């Protein structure tokens, strides 16, 4: 009985020492085979990708050969592109010159329109002065003379920039220059003749700034004459 206990004690001591059990050689071989299989799979996928790229290159090769052009064809295409570019540049230059010329000629049209009312007020002030101005005192005569000078200078500035007043009385009505406000009967003049100007009109070179408000003679013809050429009214 005592001998059996002594035989069991060495086994317990060996377990307590914590020594590892020897690794089986078959497990190491299996691990090496798995690593080799993984490496082989990576190589196969890389080879497959290379084959796909080569196949695409082989497919595109015939098309590239067909797309090749002769030097004469390339020169013709380059010449055509050059001519198109030169045409675009020339069109742009002409458009810029036209816009610049239009800006120089009509750039002040909006400012001129605002000054027309000032000119109208000066004209109304002079129209309201009495005919016998010589009988009034000198200060009043000086005031009227000053207003006349201001109106004259303003009209001269208008003239310098191509702005002219439309002379309408006695002329035939033209819808491009005039705006009819009413008709006057028994004027003794042909139908459509302008007999009175309520507000003067102005043109800037060949563009209308403001139509003249007029009264026309009434007659058998209800419409304005059609023998007058139209004018650009887009100022």
Protein backbone atom coordinates (compact mmCIF):
# COMPACT_ATOMS: atom_id res chain seq x y z
CA UNK A 1 0.00 0.00 0.00
CA UNK A 2 2.81 2.35 0.88
CA UNK A 3 4.61 1.48 -2.33
CA UNK A 4 1.56 2.41 -4.40
CA UNK A 5 1.43 5.87 -2.78
CA UNK A 6 5.13 6.44 -3.49
CA UNK A 7 4.68 5.49 -7.13
CA UNK A 8 1.83 8.01 -7.56
CA UNK A 9 3.82 10.95 -6.04
CA UNK A 10 6.37 11.30 -8.89
CA UNK A 11 3.54 11.64 -11.43
CA UNK A 12 1.98 14.49 -9.42
CA UNK A 13 5.35 16.23 -9.22
CA UNK A 14 5.82 16.13 -12.95
CA UNK A 15 2.42 17.75 -13.48
CA UNK A 16 3.24 20.47 -10.94
CA UNK A 17 6.46 21.45 -12.75
CA UNK A 18 4.36 22.77 -15.68
CA UNK A 19 6.52 21.29 -18.45
CA UNK A 20 4.84 21.44 -21.89
CA UNK A 21 3.98 18.30 -23.69
CA UNK A 22 5.94 17.70 -26.88
CA UNK A 23 4.26 19.07 -30.10
CA UNK A 24 3.14 16.54 -32.60
CA UNK A 25 5.08 16.65 -35.91
CA UNK A 26 1.88 16.15 -37.88
CA UNK A 27 0.48 19.50 -36.59
CA UNK A 28 3.56 21.37 -37.82
CA UNK A 29 3.25 19.82 -41.26
CA UNK A 30 -0.41 20.81 -41.47
CA UNK A 31 0.41 24.43 -40.60
CA UNK A 32 3.12 24.56 -43.26
CA UNK A 33 0.72 23.17 -45.88
CA UNK A 34 -1.90 25.85 -45.04
CA UNK A 35 0.71 28.62 -45.40
CA UNK A 36 1.87 27.24 -48.73
CA UNK A 37 -1.74 27.02 -49.94
CA UNK A 38 -2.35 30.69 -49.00
CA UNK A 39 0.80 31.80 -50.85
CA UNK A 40 -0.25 29.80 -53.89
CA UNK A 41 -3.71 31.42 -53.89
CA UNK A 42 -2.18 34.91 -53.80
CA UNK A 43 0.14 34.08 -56.70
CA UNK A 44 -2.77 32.63 -58.72
CA UNK A 45 -4.88 35.79 -58.22
CA UNK A 46 -1.94 38.00 -59.29
CA UNK A 47 -1.37 35.90 -62.40
CA UNK A 48 -5.06 36.09 -63.23
CA UNK A 49 -5.05 39.90 -62.98
CA UNK A 50 -2.00 40.07 -65.26
CA UNK A 51 -3.75 37.83 -67.77
CA UNK A 52 -6.85 40.10 -67.78
CA UNK A 53 -4.74 43.21 -68.39
CA UNK A 54 -2.89 41.49 -71.20
CA UNK A 55 -6.20 40.41 -72.74
CA UNK A 56 -7.51 43.99 -72.64
CA UNK A 57 -4.34 45.27 -74.28
CA UNK A 58 -4.63 42.63 -76.96
CA UNK A 59 -8.25 43.63 -77.59
CA UNK A 60 -7.44 47.36 -77.89
CA UNK A 61 -4.40 46.85 -80.06
CA UNK A 62 -6.27 46.32 -83.34
CA UNK A 63 -8.38 49.42 -82.75
CA UNK A 64 -5.34 51.56 -82.15
CA UNK A 65 -3.80 50.39 -85.36
CA UNK A 66 -6.97 51.33 -87.28
CA UNK A 67 -7.10 54.79 -85.57
CA UNK A 68 -3.60 55.66 -86.65
CA UNK A 69 -3.58 58.53 -89.15
CA UNK A 70 -1.11 59.69 -91.67
CA UNK A 71 0.89 62.89 -91.10
CA UNK A 72 -1.10 64.57 -93.88
CA UNK A 73 -4.38 63.83 -92.10
CA UNK A 74 -3.03 65.11 -88.82
CA UNK A 75 -1.78 68.26 -90.52
CA UNK A 76 -5.19 68.79 -92.12
CA UNK A 77 -6.96 68.42 -88.78
CA UNK A 78 -4.55 70.81 -87.06
CA UNK A 79 -5.03 73.33 -89.83
CA UNK A 80 -8.81 73.07 -89.48
CA UNK A 81 -8.55 73.60 -85.72
CA UNK A 82 -6.30 76.59 -86.25
CA UNK A 83 -8.70 78.17 -88.73
CA UNK A 84 -11.61 77.64 -86.36
CA UNK A 85 -9.69 79.20 -83.49
CA UNK A 86 -8.73 82.19 -85.64
CA UNK A 87 -12.37 82.61 -86.70
CA UNK A 88 -13.50 82.56 -83.06
CA UNK A 89 -10.89 85.15 -82.13
CA UNK A 90 -11.92 87.39 -85.03
CA UNK A 91 -15.61 87.12 -84.12
CA UNK A 92 -14.81 87.96 -80.51
CA UNK A 93 -12.76 90.97 -81.59
CA UNK A 94 -15.52 92.26 -83.85
CA UNK A 95 -18.13 91.77 -81.15
CA UNK A 96 -15.97 93.63 -78.64
CA UNK A 97 -15.40 96.49 -81.10
CA UNK A 98 -19.13 96.71 -81.79
CA UNK A 99 -19.97 96.73 -78.08
CA UNK A 100 -17.30 99.35 -77.42
CA UNK A 101 -18.57 101.57 -80.24
CA UNK A 102 -22.15 101.22 -79.02
CA UNK A 103 -21.08 102.09 -75.48
CA UNK A 104 -19.30 105.20 -76.73
CA UNK A 105 -22.27 106.30 -78.83
CA UNK A 106 -25.13 105.45 -76.49
CA UNK A 107 -23.54 104.91 -73.07
CA UNK A 108 -24.92 108.23 -71.77
CA UNK A 109 -28.47 107.62 -72.99
CA UNK A 110 -29.88 106.89 -69.51
CA UNK A 111 -28.21 109.98 -68.06
CA UNK A 112 -29.51 112.05 -70.97
CA UNK A 113 -33.06 110.80 -70.37
CA UNK A 114 -32.87 112.05 -66.78
CA UNK A 115 -31.78 115.49 -67.97
CA UNK A 116 -34.69 115.82 -70.39
CA UNK A 117 -37.04 116.74 -67.56
CA UNK A 118 -34.61 119.47 -66.46
CA UNK A 119 -34.65 120.88 -69.96
CA UNK A 120 -38.45 120.70 -70.01
CA UNK A 121 -38.71 122.65 -66.75
CA UNK A 122 -36.42 125.35 -68.11
CA UNK A 123 -38.60 125.61 -71.19
CA UNK A 124 -41.75 125.84 -69.07
CA UNK A 125 -40.17 128.58 -66.95
CA UNK A 126 -39.37 130.62 -70.05
CA UNK A 127 -42.80 129.99 -71.54
CA UNK A 128 -44.45 131.36 -68.40
CA UNK A 129 -42.66 134.72 -68.61
CA UNK A 130 -44.82 137.65 -69.80
CA UNK A 131 -44.42 139.02 -73.29
CA UNK A 132 -43.84 142.56 -72.05
CA UNK A 133 -40.73 141.62 -70.11
CA UNK A 134 -39.12 144.93 -71.03
CA UNK A 135 -41.61 146.71 -68.78
CA UNK A 136 -40.46 144.79 -65.69
CA UNK A 137 -37.59 145.69 -63.43
CA UNK A 138 -34.01 144.90 -64.26
CA UNK A 139 -33.64 142.07 -61.72
CA UNK A 140 -36.52 140.15 -63.32
CA UNK A 141 -35.06 140.65 -66.78
CA UNK A 142 -31.69 139.39 -65.51
CA UNK A 143 -33.36 136.29 -64.06
CA UNK A 144 -35.08 135.49 -67.34
CA UNK A 145 -31.85 136.04 -69.25
CA UNK A 146 -30.06 133.66 -66.86
CA UNK A 147 -32.66 130.94 -67.40
CA UNK A 148 -32.36 131.40 -71.16
CA UNK A 149 -28.59 131.03 -70.94
CA UNK A 150 -28.88 127.83 -68.88
CA UNK A 151 -31.31 126.33 -71.39
CA UNK A 152 -29.04 127.32 -74.27
CA UNK A 153 -25.97 125.76 -72.62
CA UNK A 154 -27.87 122.57 -71.86
CA UNK A 155 -29.08 122.25 -75.44
CA UNK A 156 -25.52 122.90 -76.64
CA UNK A 157 -24.28 120.07 -74.40
CA UNK A 158 -27.00 117.83 -75.82
CA UNK A 159 -25.93 118.74 -79.33
CA UNK A 160 -22.31 117.95 -78.51
CA UNK A 161 -23.26 114.40 -77.54
CA UNK A 162 -25.56 113.83 -80.49
CA UNK A 163 -28.84 114.64 -78.72
CA UNK A 164 -31.28 116.73 -80.74
CA UNK A 165 -34.77 118.04 -80.17
CA UNK A 166 -37.37 116.79 -82.63
CA UNK A 167 -39.01 119.61 -84.58
CA UNK A 168 -42.57 118.42 -85.00
CA UNK A 169 -44.99 121.29 -85.66
CA UNK A 170 -46.16 121.27 -89.26
CA UNK A 171 -44.74 117.82 -90.00
CA UNK A 172 -46.71 114.66 -90.65
CA UNK A 173 -47.27 112.31 -87.74
CA UNK A 174 -44.69 109.52 -87.46
CA UNK A 175 -45.25 106.86 -84.84
CA UNK A 176 -41.46 106.33 -84.58
CA UNK A 177 -40.96 109.91 -83.36
CA UNK A 178 -44.35 111.07 -82.06
CA UNK A 179 -46.99 110.05 -79.58
CA UNK A 180 -50.45 111.38 -80.48
CA UNK A 181 -52.39 112.68 -77.48
CA UNK A 182 -55.52 113.92 -79.23
CA UNK A 183 -56.88 115.17 -82.57
CA UNK A 184 -57.82 118.71 -83.48
CA UNK A 185 -60.67 119.44 -85.89
CA UNK A 186 -60.97 122.28 -88.40
CA UNK A 187 -57.30 123.07 -88.57
CA UNK A 188 -57.24 123.59 -92.30
CA UNK A 189 -54.34 121.17 -92.61
CA UNK A 190 -54.13 117.65 -94.00
CA UNK A 191 -55.07 114.80 -91.71
CA UNK A 192 -52.15 113.60 -89.62
CA UNK A 193 -50.37 116.94 -89.57
CA UNK A 194 -48.94 117.90 -86.18
CA UNK A 195 -50.49 121.14 -85.03
CA UNK A 196 -49.28 121.32 -81.42
CA UNK A 197 -46.44 119.91 -79.32
CA UNK A 198 -47.29 119.18 -75.70
CA UNK A 199 -43.87 117.79 -74.81
CA UNK A 200 -40.84 117.88 -77.10
CA UNK A 201 -39.12 114.68 -78.15
CA UNK A 202 -35.40 113.93 -78.39
CA UNK A 203 -33.20 111.59 -80.38
CA UNK A 204 -29.64 110.49 -79.65
CA UNK A 205 -27.92 110.08 -83.01
CA UNK A 206 -30.18 107.49 -84.68
CA UNK A 207 -31.98 106.28 -81.55
CA UNK A 208 -35.07 107.73 -79.94
CA UNK A 209 -34.69 108.93 -76.37
CA UNK A 210 -38.24 110.14 -75.91
CA UNK A 211 -41.13 110.54 -78.35
CA UNK A 212 -42.76 113.93 -78.73
CA UNK A 213 -46.29 114.22 -77.33
CA UNK A 214 -48.31 115.97 -80.02
CA UNK A 215 -51.76 116.89 -81.20
CA UNK A 216 -52.61 116.08 -84.82
CA UNK A 217 -55.09 117.44 -87.30
CA UNK A 218 -58.20 115.32 -87.79
CA UNK A 219 -59.35 114.40 -91.27
CA UNK A 220 -60.62 111.54 -93.38
CA UNK A 221 -57.51 109.43 -92.75
CA UNK A 222 -57.50 107.90 -89.28
CA UNK A 223 -54.04 106.35 -89.46
CA UNK A 224 -50.64 107.95 -89.75
CA UNK A 225 -48.90 108.00 -93.13
CA UNK A 226 -46.79 104.97 -94.00
CA UNK A 227 -44.17 106.61 -96.26
CA UNK A 228 -41.77 107.46 -93.40
CA UNK A 229 -38.91 105.07 -92.67
CA UNK A 230 -38.80 103.67 -89.10
CA UNK A 231 -36.04 104.53 -86.62
CA UNK A 232 -34.37 102.46 -83.91
CA UNK A 233 -36.14 103.09 -80.58
CA UNK A 234 -34.12 100.72 -78.36
CA UNK A 235 -32.07 103.39 -76.59
